[in-house]
């Protein structure tokens, strides 16, 4: 049996949303520190979606693919970006 790991699937969705938004924004710092702060703030605003199996990942991905979840994720990322933009820690 291979190594089993616990994964928060929300991280991948936040990363994708952040990539999409930041690719369209030239007024936001893209340094590693700001990016990590934006990610942490976004994840703290959203419920975690932990999985430990392939089946759990499939079921969770179906749930996370809903339009409401995508909207919630985008809102959390946009809010985090604005917070960090106004108060960068670099």
N, C-alpha and C. Protein backbone atom coordinates (compact mmCIF):
# COMPACT_ATOMS: atom_id res chain seq x y z
N UNK A 1 0.85 -1.19 0.00
CA UNK A 1 0.00 0.00 0.00
C UNK A 1 0.88 1.24 0.00
N UNK A 2 0.53 2.23 -0.82
CA UNK A 2 1.30 3.46 -0.93
C UNK A 2 1.08 4.37 0.27
N UNK A 3 1.84 5.42 0.30
CA UNK A 3 1.74 6.40 1.38
C UNK A 3 0.39 7.12 1.30
N UNK A 4 -0.25 7.21 2.42
CA UNK A 4 -1.54 7.90 2.51
C UNK A 4 -1.29 9.29 3.09
N UNK A 5 -1.92 10.29 2.51
CA UNK A 5 -1.76 11.66 2.98
C UNK A 5 -3.11 12.33 3.08
N UNK A 6 -3.19 13.25 3.99
CA UNK A 6 -4.41 14.06 4.12
C UNK A 6 -4.18 15.34 3.31
N UNK A 7 -5.16 15.70 2.49
CA UNK A 7 -5.03 16.84 1.59
C UNK A 7 -6.26 17.72 1.71
N UNK A 8 -6.04 19.02 1.81
CA UNK A 8 -7.14 19.98 1.78
C UNK A 8 -7.35 20.37 0.32
N UNK A 9 -8.37 19.82 -0.32
CA UNK A 9 -8.64 20.10 -1.74
C UNK A 9 -8.94 21.57 -1.99
N UNK A 10 -9.32 22.29 -0.96
CA UNK A 10 -9.62 23.71 -1.12
C UNK A 10 -8.38 24.48 -1.56
N UNK A 11 -7.19 24.00 -1.18
CA UNK A 11 -5.96 24.69 -1.57
C UNK A 11 -5.82 24.80 -3.08
N UNK A 12 -6.09 23.72 -3.79
CA UNK A 12 -5.96 23.74 -5.25
C UNK A 12 -6.97 24.70 -5.87
N UNK A 13 -8.18 24.74 -5.33
CA UNK A 13 -9.19 25.63 -5.87
C UNK A 13 -8.84 27.09 -5.61
N UNK A 14 -8.30 27.38 -4.44
CA UNK A 14 -7.87 28.75 -4.12
C UNK A 14 -6.72 29.15 -5.05
N UNK A 15 -5.77 28.25 -5.25
CA UNK A 15 -4.64 28.55 -6.14
C UNK A 15 -5.11 28.86 -7.56
N UNK A 16 -6.05 28.07 -8.06
CA UNK A 16 -6.56 28.31 -9.42
C UNK A 16 -7.28 29.65 -9.50
N UNK A 17 -8.11 29.96 -8.49
CA UNK A 17 -8.83 31.23 -8.48
C UNK A 17 -7.85 32.40 -8.38
N UNK A 18 -6.82 32.24 -7.55
CA UNK A 18 -5.84 33.30 -7.39
C UNK A 18 -5.07 33.52 -8.68
N UNK A 19 -4.66 32.44 -9.35
CA UNK A 19 -3.96 32.57 -10.64
C UNK A 19 -4.82 33.33 -11.65
N UNK A 20 -6.09 32.97 -11.70
CA UNK A 20 -7.00 33.62 -12.65
C UNK A 20 -7.14 35.12 -12.36
N UNK A 21 -7.34 35.45 -11.11
CA UNK A 21 -7.56 36.85 -10.74
C UNK A 21 -6.28 37.66 -10.89
N UNK A 22 -5.15 37.14 -10.39
CA UNK A 22 -3.91 37.90 -10.43
C UNK A 22 -3.38 38.08 -11.84
N UNK A 23 -3.74 37.19 -12.75
CA UNK A 23 -3.30 37.35 -14.14
C UNK A 23 -3.93 38.58 -14.79
N UNK A 24 -5.02 39.06 -14.21
CA UNK A 24 -5.74 40.21 -14.75
C UNK A 24 -5.50 41.50 -13.97
N UNK A 25 -4.68 41.40 -12.90
CA UNK A 25 -4.47 42.56 -12.03
C UNK A 25 -3.01 42.98 -12.05
N UNK A 26 -2.75 44.20 -12.46
CA UNK A 26 -1.37 44.70 -12.44
C UNK A 26 -1.10 45.53 -11.19
N UNK A 27 -2.12 45.78 -10.39
CA UNK A 27 -1.98 46.61 -9.20
C UNK A 27 -1.73 45.81 -7.93
N UNK A 28 -1.45 44.51 -8.08
CA UNK A 28 -1.28 43.64 -6.92
C UNK A 28 0.13 43.04 -6.95
N UNK A 29 0.80 43.09 -5.83
CA UNK A 29 2.15 42.52 -5.72
C UNK A 29 2.07 41.00 -5.86
N UNK A 30 2.98 40.44 -6.62
CA UNK A 30 2.99 39.00 -6.84
C UNK A 30 4.15 38.30 -6.15
N UNK A 31 4.80 38.97 -5.19
CA UNK A 31 5.92 38.33 -4.51
C UNK A 31 5.43 37.13 -3.69
N UNK A 32 6.37 36.26 -3.34
CA UNK A 32 6.01 35.03 -2.64
C UNK A 32 5.31 35.32 -1.31
N UNK A 33 5.78 36.32 -0.56
CA UNK A 33 5.19 36.63 0.75
C UNK A 33 3.73 37.07 0.60
N UNK A 34 3.48 37.98 -0.35
CA UNK A 34 2.11 38.45 -0.57
C UNK A 34 1.22 37.31 -1.04
N UNK A 35 1.74 36.48 -1.92
CA UNK A 35 0.96 35.34 -2.43
C UNK A 35 0.60 34.38 -1.30
N UNK A 36 1.55 34.09 -0.42
CA UNK A 36 1.27 33.20 0.72
C UNK A 36 0.27 33.83 1.68
N UNK A 37 0.39 35.12 1.92
CA UNK A 37 -0.58 35.81 2.79
C UNK A 37 -1.98 35.77 2.17
N UNK A 38 -2.07 36.01 0.87
CA UNK A 38 -3.37 35.95 0.18
C UNK A 38 -3.96 34.55 0.25
N UNK A 39 -3.14 33.54 0.07
CA UNK A 39 -3.61 32.16 0.12
C UNK A 39 -4.10 31.81 1.51
N UNK A 40 -3.31 32.16 2.53
CA UNK A 40 -3.69 31.85 3.91
C UNK A 40 -5.01 32.54 4.29
N UNK A 41 -5.14 33.81 3.94
CA UNK A 41 -6.38 34.52 4.25
C UNK A 41 -7.58 33.90 3.53
N UNK A 42 -7.38 33.54 2.28
CA UNK A 42 -8.46 32.91 1.52
C UNK A 42 -8.88 31.59 2.15
N UNK A 43 -7.90 30.75 2.47
CA UNK A 43 -8.21 29.44 3.05
C UNK A 43 -8.87 29.57 4.41
N UNK A 44 -8.48 30.56 5.19
CA UNK A 44 -9.09 30.76 6.50
C UNK A 44 -10.54 31.22 6.40
N UNK A 45 -10.90 31.82 5.26
CA UNK A 45 -12.27 32.29 5.07
C UNK A 45 -13.20 31.21 4.50
N UNK A 46 -12.61 30.10 4.07
CA UNK A 46 -13.40 29.04 3.44
C UNK A 46 -13.36 27.76 4.28
N UNK A 47 -14.42 26.95 4.21
CA UNK A 47 -14.38 25.69 4.94
C UNK A 47 -13.39 24.72 4.30
N UNK A 48 -12.59 24.02 5.10
CA UNK A 48 -11.65 23.06 4.51
C UNK A 48 -12.39 21.87 3.92
N UNK A 49 -11.77 21.24 2.94
CA UNK A 49 -12.32 20.03 2.31
C UNK A 49 -11.20 18.99 2.27
N UNK A 50 -11.02 18.28 3.40
CA UNK A 50 -9.94 17.30 3.51
C UNK A 50 -10.35 15.97 2.90
N UNK A 51 -9.40 15.34 2.23
CA UNK A 51 -9.61 14.01 1.67
C UNK A 51 -8.38 13.15 1.97
N UNK A 52 -8.60 11.83 2.01
CA UNK A 52 -7.50 10.90 2.23
C UNK A 52 -7.51 9.75 1.22
N UNK A 53 -8.44 9.78 0.27
CA UNK A 53 -8.53 8.71 -0.71
C UNK A 53 -8.91 9.26 -2.07
N UNK A 54 -8.68 8.46 -3.10
CA UNK A 54 -9.07 8.87 -4.45
C UNK A 54 -10.58 9.06 -4.55
N UNK A 55 -11.33 8.16 -3.91
CA UNK A 55 -12.80 8.27 -3.94
C UNK A 55 -13.24 9.56 -3.26
N UNK A 56 -12.65 9.87 -2.12
CA UNK A 56 -12.98 11.11 -1.41
C UNK A 56 -12.66 12.33 -2.24
N UNK A 57 -11.57 12.24 -3.01
CA UNK A 57 -11.20 13.36 -3.86
C UNK A 57 -12.21 13.56 -4.98
N UNK A 58 -12.67 12.48 -5.57
CA UNK A 58 -13.67 12.57 -6.64
C UNK A 58 -14.96 13.19 -6.12
N UNK A 59 -15.44 12.70 -4.99
CA UNK A 59 -16.68 13.21 -4.41
C UNK A 59 -16.52 14.68 -4.03
N UNK A 60 -15.41 15.01 -3.42
CA UNK A 60 -15.16 16.40 -3.02
C UNK A 60 -15.04 17.31 -4.23
N UNK A 61 -14.37 16.86 -5.28
CA UNK A 61 -14.24 17.68 -6.48
C UNK A 61 -15.59 17.95 -7.13
N UNK A 62 -16.48 16.96 -7.11
CA UNK A 62 -17.83 17.18 -7.64
C UNK A 62 -18.55 18.26 -6.84
N UNK A 63 -18.41 18.21 -5.53
CA UNK A 63 -19.03 19.21 -4.66
C UNK A 63 -18.42 20.59 -4.91
N UNK A 64 -17.10 20.64 -5.05
CA UNK A 64 -16.41 21.92 -5.23
C UNK A 64 -16.61 22.51 -6.62
N UNK A 65 -17.13 21.71 -7.55
CA UNK A 65 -17.34 22.17 -8.91
C UNK A 65 -18.64 22.97 -9.07
N UNK A 66 -19.42 23.11 -8.01
CA UNK A 66 -20.68 23.83 -8.10
C UNK A 66 -20.43 25.33 -8.31
N UNK A 67 -21.36 25.99 -8.96
CA UNK A 67 -21.20 27.42 -9.23
C UNK A 67 -21.19 28.23 -7.94
N UNK A 68 -21.94 27.79 -6.93
CA UNK A 68 -21.94 28.52 -5.65
C UNK A 68 -20.58 28.42 -4.98
N UNK A 69 -19.99 27.24 -5.00
CA UNK A 69 -18.67 27.09 -4.40
C UNK A 69 -17.65 27.95 -5.13
N UNK A 70 -17.69 27.96 -6.45
CA UNK A 70 -16.76 28.77 -7.22
C UNK A 70 -16.91 30.24 -6.88
N UNK A 71 -18.15 30.70 -6.73
CA UNK A 71 -18.39 32.10 -6.37
C UNK A 71 -17.85 32.39 -4.97
N UNK A 72 -18.10 31.50 -4.02
CA UNK A 72 -17.59 31.69 -2.65
C UNK A 72 -16.07 31.76 -2.64
N UNK A 73 -15.45 30.90 -3.42
CA UNK A 73 -13.99 30.87 -3.50
C UNK A 73 -13.46 32.17 -4.11
N UNK A 74 -14.07 32.63 -5.18
CA UNK A 74 -13.63 33.87 -5.82
C UNK A 74 -13.77 35.06 -4.87
N UNK A 75 -14.88 35.11 -4.14
CA UNK A 75 -15.09 36.21 -3.20
C UNK A 75 -14.01 36.19 -2.11
N UNK A 76 -13.73 35.02 -1.56
CA UNK A 76 -12.71 34.90 -0.51
C UNK A 76 -11.34 35.34 -1.04
N UNK A 77 -11.01 34.93 -2.25
CA UNK A 77 -9.72 35.30 -2.84
C UNK A 77 -9.66 36.80 -3.11
N UNK A 78 -10.71 37.36 -3.68
CA UNK A 78 -10.73 38.81 -3.95
C UNK A 78 -10.58 39.62 -2.65
N UNK A 79 -11.27 39.19 -1.60
CA UNK A 79 -11.16 39.90 -0.32
C UNK A 79 -9.74 39.79 0.24
N UNK A 80 -9.15 38.61 0.14
CA UNK A 80 -7.78 38.43 0.64
C UNK A 80 -6.79 39.27 -0.15
N UNK A 81 -6.96 39.32 -1.45
CA UNK A 81 -6.07 40.13 -2.29
C UNK A 81 -6.15 41.59 -1.89
N UNK A 82 -7.34 42.09 -1.65
CA UNK A 82 -7.49 43.50 -1.26
C UNK A 82 -6.87 43.78 0.10
N UNK A 83 -7.04 42.87 1.04
CA UNK A 83 -6.45 43.04 2.37
C UNK A 83 -4.93 43.13 2.27
N UNK A 84 -4.34 42.21 1.52
CA UNK A 84 -2.88 42.18 1.38
C UNK A 84 -2.39 43.36 0.55
N UNK A 85 -3.15 43.74 -0.47
CA UNK A 85 -2.76 44.88 -1.31
C UNK A 85 -2.66 46.16 -0.48
N UNK A 86 -3.59 46.32 0.45
CA UNK A 86 -3.62 47.52 1.29
C UNK A 86 -2.60 47.46 2.44
N UNK A 87 -2.20 46.26 2.83
CA UNK A 87 -1.30 46.08 3.97
C UNK A 87 -0.24 45.02 3.68
N UNK A 88 0.62 45.22 2.67
CA UNK A 88 1.62 44.19 2.38
C UNK A 88 2.64 44.08 3.52
N UNK A 89 3.14 42.85 3.73
CA UNK A 89 4.10 42.63 4.81
C UNK A 89 5.52 42.39 4.30
N UNK A 90 5.80 42.73 3.05
CA UNK A 90 7.15 42.54 2.52
C UNK A 90 7.97 43.81 2.70
